[in-house]
Amino acid sequence: IKNEDQNHIFLKLIYNSKLKKENIYIKLHPSLNYNLYKKKYKKIKFTLTRRTISEELSSGDYCLGLSYNSSAYYDAYMQGLRCLRFISEFSLQGPQILNDDFESVNELNKLLIEIHKNSFISTYVLDKLHYTLGLNINNYARLN
């Protein structure tokens, strides 16, 4: 299965989940064909955006991120946004921040229910980001 096929599976999972009634914005990986996806999903309530991940996340317009095989997973958490991560046999997965990986619609729906009950970024998440990515570590002052 090609990576592009995995992207279609990811988008179908989202469409078939509890999110299907929500406004969903999709930021494609730069290597993917924007026009192909725009045409394929024009009847579905997805909006494809051409803005960068940083522009999207810093807008403050989102309450949840979904990722597949992308560092956008960590980018979302660094902006204080919970992010769920689709995994498949083709995924390159770094460490999880929370137990937020899913492989099926049922797993995604369970995570969505859990998030609805606990909608905050905890100090545990910030500690995990600090450890994994060095978030907010600035050692440049020591160099003087």
Protein backbone atom coordinates (compact mmCIF):
# COMPACT_ATOMS: atom_id res chain seq x y z
CA ILE A 1 0.00 0.00 0.00
CA LYS A 2 1.39 3.38 -0.95
CA ASN A 3 1.70 6.14 1.64
CA GLU A 4 -0.95 8.12 -0.27
CA ASP A 5 -3.38 5.23 0.24
CA GLN A 6 -2.71 5.45 3.98
CA ASN A 7 -3.65 9.13 3.85
CA HIS A 8 -6.98 8.19 2.26
CA ILE A 9 -7.56 5.61 5.01
CA PHE A 10 -6.76 8.27 7.63
CA LEU A 11 -9.24 10.73 6.08
CA LYS A 12 -11.94 8.06 5.80
CA LEU A 13 -11.47 7.19 9.48
CA ILE A 14 -11.98 10.83 10.40
CA TYR A 15 -15.05 11.09 8.17
CA ASN A 16 -16.62 7.97 9.70
CA SER A 17 -15.92 9.03 13.29
CA LYS A 18 -17.82 11.25 15.70
CA LEU A 19 -16.07 14.17 14.00
CA LYS A 20 -18.04 13.93 10.77
CA LYS A 21 -20.37 16.76 11.82
CA GLU A 22 -17.50 19.08 12.76
CA ASN A 23 -15.62 21.58 10.61
CA ILE A 24 -12.42 19.78 9.70
CA TYR A 25 -9.41 21.51 8.22
CA ILE A 26 -6.80 19.36 6.52
CA LYS A 27 -3.19 20.43 6.07
CA LEU A 28 -1.62 18.02 3.61
CA HIS A 29 2.02 17.09 3.70
CA PRO A 30 3.88 19.25 1.14
CA SER A 31 4.76 16.14 -0.90
CA LEU A 32 1.07 15.34 -1.55
CA ASN A 33 -0.94 16.57 -4.52
CA TYR A 34 -3.25 19.32 -3.22
CA ASN A 35 -5.48 19.31 -6.34
CA LEU A 36 -5.96 15.52 -6.23
CA TYR A 37 -7.19 15.67 -2.63
CA LYS A 38 -9.31 18.77 -3.25
CA LYS A 39 -11.09 16.98 -6.11
CA LYS A 40 -11.45 13.66 -4.30
CA TYR A 41 -12.90 15.17 -1.13
CA LYS A 42 -14.91 18.12 -2.45
CA LYS A 43 -18.24 16.50 -1.48
CA ILE A 44 -17.03 15.86 2.06
CA LYS A 45 -16.99 18.55 4.72
CA PHE A 46 -13.18 18.86 4.74
CA THR A 47 -11.47 22.15 4.07
CA LEU A 48 -7.97 21.86 2.65
CA THR A 49 -5.66 24.62 3.75
CA ARG A 50 -2.44 25.80 2.17
CA ARG A 51 -1.21 27.63 5.28
CA THR A 52 1.74 26.15 7.15
CA ILE A 53 1.31 24.06 10.27
CA SER A 54 2.75 26.94 12.33
CA GLU A 55 0.25 29.39 10.83
CA GLU A 56 -2.65 27.03 11.45
CA LEU A 57 -1.72 26.19 15.03
CA SER A 58 -0.86 29.75 16.06
CA SER A 59 -4.25 30.98 14.78
CA GLY A 60 -5.94 29.60 17.90
CA ASP A 61 -8.85 28.37 15.77
CA TYR A 62 -8.59 24.72 16.81
CA CYS A 63 -9.59 22.59 19.77
CA LEU A 64 -7.98 19.31 18.62
CA GLY A 65 -5.31 18.11 16.22
CA LEU A 66 -5.18 14.86 14.28
CA SER A 67 -1.97 13.65 12.71
CA TYR A 68 -0.64 10.88 10.54
CA ASN A 69 3.07 10.23 10.22
CA SER A 70 4.02 13.84 10.91
CA SER A 71 5.87 16.01 13.38
CA ALA A 72 2.67 18.09 13.43
CA TYR A 73 1.72 15.80 16.33
CA TYR A 74 4.43 17.43 18.49
CA ASP A 75 3.84 20.88 16.99
CA ALA A 76 0.22 20.76 18.16
CA TYR A 77 1.19 19.82 21.72
CA MET A 78 3.81 22.57 21.81
CA GLN A 79 1.00 25.03 21.00
CA GLY A 80 -1.08 23.63 23.89
CA LEU A 81 -3.38 21.66 21.58
CA ARG A 82 -4.21 18.02 22.23
CA CYS A 83 -3.40 15.86 19.21
CA LEU A 84 -4.40 12.33 18.27
CA ARG A 85 -2.19 10.25 16.02
CA PHE A 86 -3.27 7.70 13.42
CA ILE A 87 -0.85 4.81 13.23
CA SER A 88 -0.43 2.11 10.65
CA GLU A 89 2.26 -0.36 9.71
CA PHE A 90 3.79 2.42 7.56
CA SER A 91 3.92 5.04 10.32
CA LEU A 92 7.18 6.36 11.68
CA GLN A 93 6.28 6.89 15.31
CA GLY A 94 8.18 8.83 17.89
CA PRO A 95 7.28 8.69 21.56
CA GLN A 96 3.65 9.29 22.51
CA ILE A 97 2.88 12.33 24.61
CA LEU A 98 -0.32 10.76 25.95
CA ASN A 99 -2.05 7.51 25.10
CA ASP A 100 -3.40 9.06 21.91
CA ASP A 101 -2.63 6.71 19.02
CA PHE A 102 -5.49 5.12 17.08
CA GLU A 103 -5.78 2.57 14.28
CA SER A 104 -9.55 2.35 13.80
CA VAL A 105 -12.75 4.41 13.95
CA ASN A 106 -13.67 2.74 17.25
CA GLU A 107 -10.33 3.69 18.82
CA LEU A 108 -10.65 7.26 17.53
CA ASN A 109 -14.19 7.57 18.91
CA LYS A 110 -13.05 6.28 22.34
CA LEU A 111 -10.29 8.87 22.42
CA LEU A 112 -12.74 11.62 21.45
CA ILE A 113 -15.04 10.66 24.33
CA GLU A 114 -12.08 10.64 26.73
CA ILE A 115 -10.95 14.07 25.53
CA HIS A 116 -14.43 15.49 25.99
CA LYS A 117 -14.26 14.42 29.64
CA ASN A 118 -10.69 15.68 30.23
CA SER A 119 -10.10 18.69 28.01
CA PHE A 120 -6.90 20.21 29.36
CA ILE A 121 -3.17 20.08 28.82
CA SER A 122 -1.69 18.81 32.05
CA THR A 123 1.67 19.45 33.64
CA TYR A 124 2.43 15.84 32.75
CA VAL A 125 2.17 16.77 29.06
CA LEU A 126 4.42 19.79 29.51
CA ASP A 127 6.99 17.67 31.39
CA LYS A 128 6.88 15.07 28.63
CA LEU A 129 7.42 17.74 25.94
CA HIS A 130 10.25 19.23 27.97
CA TYR A 131 11.93 15.81 28.15
CA THR A 132 11.24 14.75 24.54
CA LEU A 133 11.81 18.02 22.69
CA GLY A 134 13.53 20.36 25.13
CA LEU A 135 10.47 22.62 25.16
CA ASN A 136 11.24 26.02 26.73
CA ILE A 137 14.87 25.11 27.40
CA ASN A 138 17.12 28.03 26.63
CA ASN A 139 20.76 27.38 27.45
CA TYR A 140 22.10 30.20 25.26
CA ALA A 141 22.48 32.49 28.29
CA ARG A 142 25.06 30.07 29.73
CA LEU A 143 27.32 30.55 26.70
CA ASN A 144 28.32 34.10 27.69
